[in-house]
Amino acid sequence: MLALSGLVLVLFGVSWWTLLTLVLLLACPAVMATVTYLSLQPLPTPEQKSGPEKSDK
């Protein structure tokens, strides 16, 4: 769908450089939002062992 919409815009006179700039400008906030969402997730905790710890021989 993205390629089709880009083709339609080019047919109406929008240049490839304008499309590239638009994609980069839209991608930056999307990446920032994704990183922010992932950074707000709690870190996984390691599983606790049951019983006394064993030493390797």
PDB file of N, CA and C in Angstrom:
ATOM      1  N   MET A   1       0.826  -1.202   0.000  1.00  0.00           N
ATOM      2  CA  MET A   1       0.000   0.000   0.000  1.00  0.00           C
ATOM      3  C   MET A   1       0.861   1.252   0.000  1.00  0.00           C
ATOM      4  N   LEU A   2       1.991   1.184   0.698  1.00  0.00           N
ATOM      5  CA  LEU A   2       2.880   2.347   0.734  1.00  0.00           C
ATOM      6  C   LEU A   2       3.452   2.637  -0.647  1.00  0.00           C
ATOM      7  N   ALA A   3       3.841   1.579  -1.363  1.00  0.00           N
ATOM      8  CA  ALA A   3       4.375   1.764  -2.715  1.00  0.00           C
ATOM      9  C   ALA A   3       3.294   2.294  -3.652  1.00  0.00           C
ATOM     10  N   LEU A   4       2.079   1.788  -3.502  1.00  0.00           N
ATOM     11  CA  LEU A   4       0.978   2.253  -4.354  1.00  0.00           C
ATOM     12  C   LEU A   4       0.667   3.714  -4.090  1.00  0.00           C
ATOM     13  N   SER A   5       0.649   4.115  -2.821  1.00  0.00           N
ATOM     14  CA  SER A   5       0.371   5.517  -2.503  1.00  0.00           C
ATOM     15  C   SER A   5       1.500   6.412  -3.010  1.00  0.00           C
ATOM     16  N   GLY A   6       2.751   5.913  -2.934  1.00  0.00           N
ATOM     17  CA  GLY A   6       3.863   6.682  -3.484  1.00  0.00           C
ATOM     18  C   GLY A   6       3.747   6.844  -4.988  1.00  0.00           C
ATOM     19  N   LEU A   7       3.324   5.786  -5.676  1.00  0.00           N
ATOM     20  CA  LEU A   7       3.134   5.856  -7.121  1.00  0.00           C
ATOM     21  C   LEU A   7       2.050   6.861  -7.490  1.00  0.00           C
ATOM     22  N   VAL A   8       0.973   6.875  -6.740  1.00  0.00           N
ATOM     23  CA  VAL A   8      -0.105   7.834  -7.001  1.00  0.00           C
ATOM     24  C   VAL A   8       0.390   9.264  -6.810  1.00  0.00           C
ATOM     25  N   LEU A   9       1.162   9.515  -5.765  1.00  0.00           N
ATOM     26  CA  LEU A   9       1.688  10.861  -5.546  1.00  0.00           C
ATOM     27  C   LEU A   9       2.642  11.281  -6.654  1.00  0.00           C
ATOM     28  N   VAL A  10       3.459  10.340  -7.142  1.00  0.00           N
ATOM     29  CA  VAL A  10       4.370  10.661  -8.236  1.00  0.00           C
ATOM     30  C   VAL A  10       3.580  10.971  -9.506  1.00  0.00           C
ATOM     31  N   LEU A  11       2.518  10.241  -9.746  1.00  0.00           N
ATOM     32  CA  LEU A  11       1.685  10.507 -10.927  1.00  0.00           C
ATOM     33  C   LEU A  11       1.035  11.884 -10.857  1.00  0.00           C
ATOM     34  N   PHE A  12       0.809  12.394  -9.650  1.00  0.00           N
ATOM     35  CA  PHE A  12       0.222  13.725  -9.498  1.00  0.00           C
ATOM     36  C   PHE A  12       1.276  14.826  -9.433  1.00  0.00           C
ATOM     37  N   GLY A  13       2.543  14.476  -9.608  1.00  0.00           N
ATOM     38  CA  GLY A  13       3.569  15.502  -9.743  1.00  0.00           C
ATOM     39  C   GLY A  13       4.481  15.685  -8.546  1.00  0.00           C
ATOM     40  N   VAL A  14       4.409  14.825  -7.560  1.00  0.00           N
ATOM     41  CA  VAL A  14       5.297  14.927  -6.411  1.00  0.00           C
ATOM     42  C   VAL A  14       6.588  14.184  -6.755  1.00  0.00           C
ATOM     43  N   SER A  15       7.735  14.808  -6.468  1.00  0.00           N
ATOM     44  CA  SER A  15       9.011  14.189  -6.843  1.00  0.00           C
ATOM     45  C   SER A  15       9.407  13.101  -5.835  1.00  0.00           C
ATOM     46  N   TRP A  16      10.349  12.249  -6.271  1.00  0.00           N
ATOM     47  CA  TRP A  16      10.846  11.182  -5.403  1.00  0.00           C
ATOM     48  C   TRP A  16      11.575  11.752  -4.202  1.00  0.00           C
ATOM     49  N   TRP A  17      12.257  12.889  -4.384  1.00  0.00           N
ATOM     50  CA  TRP A  17      12.986  13.502  -3.270  1.00  0.00           C
ATOM     51  C   TRP A  17      12.016  14.005  -2.207  1.00  0.00           C
ATOM     52  N   THR A  18      10.882  14.516  -2.632  1.00  0.00           N
ATOM     53  CA  THR A  18       9.856  14.959  -1.681  1.00  0.00           C
ATOM     54  C   THR A  18       9.304  13.766  -0.912  1.00  0.00           C
ATOM     55  N   LEU A  19       9.077  12.648  -1.615  1.00  0.00           N
ATOM     56  CA  LEU A  19       8.590  11.444  -0.952  1.00  0.00           C
ATOM     57  C   LEU A  19       9.598  10.912   0.051  1.00  0.00           C
ATOM     58  N   LEU A  20      10.886  10.925  -0.320  1.00  0.00           N
ATOM     59  CA  LEU A  20      11.934  10.452   0.580  1.00  0.00           C
ATOM     60  C   LEU A  20      11.998  11.321   1.832  1.00  0.00           C
ATOM     61  N   THR A  21      11.924  12.625   1.645  1.00  0.00           N
ATOM     62  CA  THR A  21      11.930  13.536   2.793  1.00  0.00           C
ATOM     63  C   THR A  21      10.719  13.302   3.674  1.00  0.00           C
ATOM     64  N   LEU A  22       9.560  13.100   3.077  1.00  0.00           N
ATOM     65  CA  LEU A  22       8.341  12.849   3.838  1.00  0.00           C
ATOM     66  C   LEU A  22       8.445  11.553   4.642  1.00  0.00           C
ATOM     67  N   VAL A  23       8.974  10.513   4.025  1.00  0.00           N
ATOM     68  CA  VAL A  23       9.129   9.232   4.728  1.00  0.00           C
ATOM     69  C   VAL A  23      10.083   9.383   5.909  1.00  0.00           C
ATOM     70  N   LEU A  24      11.194  10.082   5.712  1.00  0.00           N
ATOM     71  CA  LEU A  24      12.152  10.280   6.805  1.00  0.00           C
ATOM     72  C   LEU A  24      11.544  11.109   7.935  1.00  0.00           C
ATOM     73  N   LEU A  25      10.787  12.134   7.588  1.00  0.00           N
ATOM     74  CA  LEU A  25      10.170  12.972   8.616  1.00  0.00           C
ATOM     75  C   LEU A  25       9.090  12.217   9.391  1.00  0.00           C
ATOM     76  N   LEU A  26       8.407  11.288   8.733  1.00  0.00           N
ATOM     77  CA  LEU A  26       7.390  10.497   9.418  1.00  0.00           C
ATOM     78  C   LEU A  26       8.002   9.342  10.196  1.00  0.00           C
ATOM     79  N   ALA A  27       9.143   8.833   9.739  1.00  0.00           N
ATOM     80  CA  ALA A  27       9.770   7.691  10.396  1.00  0.00           C
ATOM     81  C   ALA A  27      10.413   8.092  11.719  1.00  0.00           C
ATOM     82  N   CYS A  28      10.967   9.283  11.803  1.00  0.00           N
ATOM     83  CA  CYS A  28      11.647   9.700  13.032  1.00  0.00           C
ATOM     84  C   CYS A  28      10.707   9.701  14.243  1.00  0.00           C
ATOM     85  N   PRO A  29       9.538  10.332  14.186  1.00  0.00           N
ATOM     86  CA  PRO A  29       8.636  10.277  15.340  1.00  0.00           C
ATOM     87  C   PRO A  29       8.131   8.865  15.632  1.00  0.00           C
ATOM     88  N   ALA A  30       7.973   8.053  14.596  1.00  0.00           N
ATOM     89  CA  ALA A  30       7.514   6.676  14.817  1.00  0.00           C
ATOM     90  C   ALA A  30       8.569   5.881  15.572  1.00  0.00           C
ATOM     91  N   VAL A  31       9.826   6.059  15.228  1.00  0.00           N
ATOM     92  CA  VAL A  31      10.910   5.368  15.930  1.00  0.00           C
ATOM     93  C   VAL A  31      11.005   5.866  17.363  1.00  0.00           C
ATOM     94  N   MET A  32      10.883   7.172  17.552  1.00  0.00           N
ATOM     95  CA  MET A  32      10.951   7.737  18.905  1.00  0.00           C
ATOM     96  C   MET A  32       9.801   7.213  19.765  1.00  0.00           C
ATOM     97  N   ALA A  33       8.613   7.102  19.209  1.00  0.00           N
ATOM     98  CA  ALA A  33       7.463   6.596  19.968  1.00  0.00           C
ATOM     99  C   ALA A  33       7.659   5.124  20.323  1.00  0.00           C
ATOM    100  N   THR A  34       8.194   4.340  19.398  1.00  0.00           N
ATOM    101  CA  THR A  34       8.433   2.924  19.664  1.00  0.00           C
ATOM    102  C   THR A  34       9.474   2.734  20.751  1.00  0.00           C
ATOM    103  N   VAL A  35      10.563   3.487  20.686  1.00  0.00           N
ATOM    104  CA  VAL A  35      11.620   3.375  21.695  1.00  0.00           C
ATOM    105  C   VAL A  35      11.099   3.821  23.056  1.00  0.00           C
ATOM    106  N   THR A  36      10.299   4.871  23.089  1.00  0.00           N
ATOM    107  CA  THR A  36       9.728   5.332  24.354  1.00  0.00           C
ATOM    108  C   THR A  36       8.812   4.268  24.944  1.00  0.00           C
ATOM    109  N   TYR A  37       7.980   3.662  24.118  1.00  0.00           N
ATOM    110  CA  TYR A  37       7.082   2.610  24.602  1.00  0.00           C
ATOM    111  C   TYR A  37       7.868   1.429  25.154  1.00  0.00           C
ATOM    112  N   LEU A  38       8.897   1.003  24.418  1.00  0.00           N
ATOM    113  CA  LEU A  38       9.684  -0.144  24.862  1.00  0.00           C
ATOM    114  C   LEU A  38      10.482   0.172  26.125  1.00  0.00           C
ATOM    115  N   SER A  39      10.902   1.418  26.294  1.00  0.00           N
ATOM    116  CA  SER A  39      11.674   1.764  27.484  1.00  0.00           C
ATOM    117  C   SER A  39      10.790   1.836  28.726  1.00  0.00           C
ATOM    118  N   LEU A  40       9.505   1.992  28.555  1.00  0.00           N
ATOM    119  CA  LEU A  40       8.597   2.051  29.701  1.00  0.00           C
ATOM    120  C   LEU A  40       8.178   0.667  30.188  1.00  0.00           C
ATOM    121  N   GLN A  41       8.495  -0.369  29.419  1.00  0.00           N
ATOM    122  CA  GLN A  41       8.154  -1.735  29.809  1.00  0.00           C
ATOM    123  C   GLN A  41       9.077  -2.190  30.934  1.00  0.00           C
ATOM    124  N   PRO A  42       8.569  -2.938  31.905  1.00  0.00           N
ATOM    125  CA  PRO A  42       9.444  -3.416  32.982  1.00  0.00           C
ATOM    126  C   PRO A  42      10.461  -4.428  32.461  1.00  0.00           C
ATOM    127  N   LEU A  43      11.635  -4.396  33.076  1.00  0.00           N
ATOM    128  CA  LEU A  43      12.679  -5.331  32.682  1.00  0.00           C
ATOM    129  C   LEU A  43      12.323  -6.724  33.176  1.00  0.00           C
ATOM    130  N   PRO A  44      12.647  -7.758  32.417  1.00  0.00           N
ATOM    131  CA  PRO A  44      12.373  -9.121  32.880  1.00  0.00           C
ATOM    132  C   PRO A  44      13.276  -9.460  34.069  1.00  0.00           C
ATOM    133  N   THR A  45      12.706 -10.157  35.037  1.00  0.00           N
ATOM    134  CA  THR A  45      13.486 -10.548  36.206  1.00  0.00           C
ATOM    135  C   THR A  45      13.971 -11.978  36.013  1.00  0.00           C
ATOM    136  N   PRO A  46      15.188 -12.255  36.465  1.00  0.00           N
ATOM    137  CA  PRO A  46      15.682 -13.632  36.331  1.00  0.00           C
ATOM    138  C   PRO A  46      14.885 -14.569  37.226  1.00  0.00           C
ATOM    139  N   GLU A  47      14.738 -15.812  36.764  1.00  0.00           N
ATOM    140  CA  GLU A  47      13.985 -16.790  37.558  1.00  0.00           C
ATOM    141  C   GLU A  47      14.753 -17.132  38.822  1.00  0.00           C
ATOM    142  N   GLN A  48      14.042 -17.234  39.915  1.00  0.00           N
ATOM    143  CA  GLN A  48      14.690 -17.559  41.189  1.00  0.00           C
ATOM    144  C   GLN A  48      14.809 -19.069  41.300  1.00  0.00           C
ATOM    145  N   LYS A  49      15.960 -19.511  41.796  1.00  0.00           N
ATOM    146  CA  LYS A  49      16.179 -20.940  41.981  1.00  0.00           C
ATOM    147  C   LYS A  49      15.538 -21.373  43.293  1.00  0.00           C
ATOM    148  N   SER A  50      15.001 -22.562  43.285  1.00  0.00           N
ATOM    149  CA  SER A  50      14.435 -23.085  44.523  1.00  0.00           C
ATOM    150  C   SER A  50      15.481 -23.937  45.222  1.00  0.00           C
ATOM    151  N   GLY A  51      15.666 -23.721  46.492  1.00  0.00           N
ATOM    152  CA  GLY A  51      16.637 -24.495  47.253  1.00  0.00           C
ATOM    153  C   GLY A  51      17.980 -23.816  47.295  1.00  0.00           C
ATOM    154  N   PRO A  52      18.943 -24.467  47.980  1.00  0.00           N
ATOM    155  CA  PRO A  52      20.289 -23.876  48.092  1.00  0.00           C
ATOM    156  C   PRO A  52      21.025 -23.910  46.756  1.00  0.00           C
ATOM    157  N   GLU A  53      21.896 -22.938  46.573  1.00  0.00           N
ATOM    158  CA  GLU A  53      22.657 -22.889  45.340  1.00  0.00           C
ATOM    159  C   GLU A  53      23.715 -23.980  45.317  1.00  0.00           C
ATOM    160  N   LYS A  54      23.925 -24.545  44.168  1.00  0.00           N
ATOM    161  CA  LYS A  54      24.899 -25.616  44.015  1.00  0.00           C
ATOM    162  C   LYS A  54      26.163 -25.046  43.384  1.00  0.00           C
ATOM    163  N   SER A  55      27.305 -25.479  43.858  1.00  0.00           N
ATOM    164  CA  SER A  55      28.560 -25.041  43.261  1.00  0.00           C
ATOM    165  C   SER A  55      29.003 -26.057  42.213  1.00  0.00           C
ATOM    166  N   ASP A  56      29.605 -25.547  41.149  1.00  0.00           N
ATOM    167  CA  ASP A  56      30.094 -26.434  40.089  1.00  0.00           C
ATOM    168  C   ASP A  56      31.413 -27.058  40.520  1.00  0.00           C
ATOM    169  N   LYS A  57      31.604 -28.334  40.226  1.00  0.00           N
ATOM    170  CA  LYS A  57      32.858 -29.012  40.560  1.00  0.00           C
ATOM    171  C   LYS A  57      33.682 -29.232  39.336  1.00  0.00           C
TER     172      LYS A  57
END
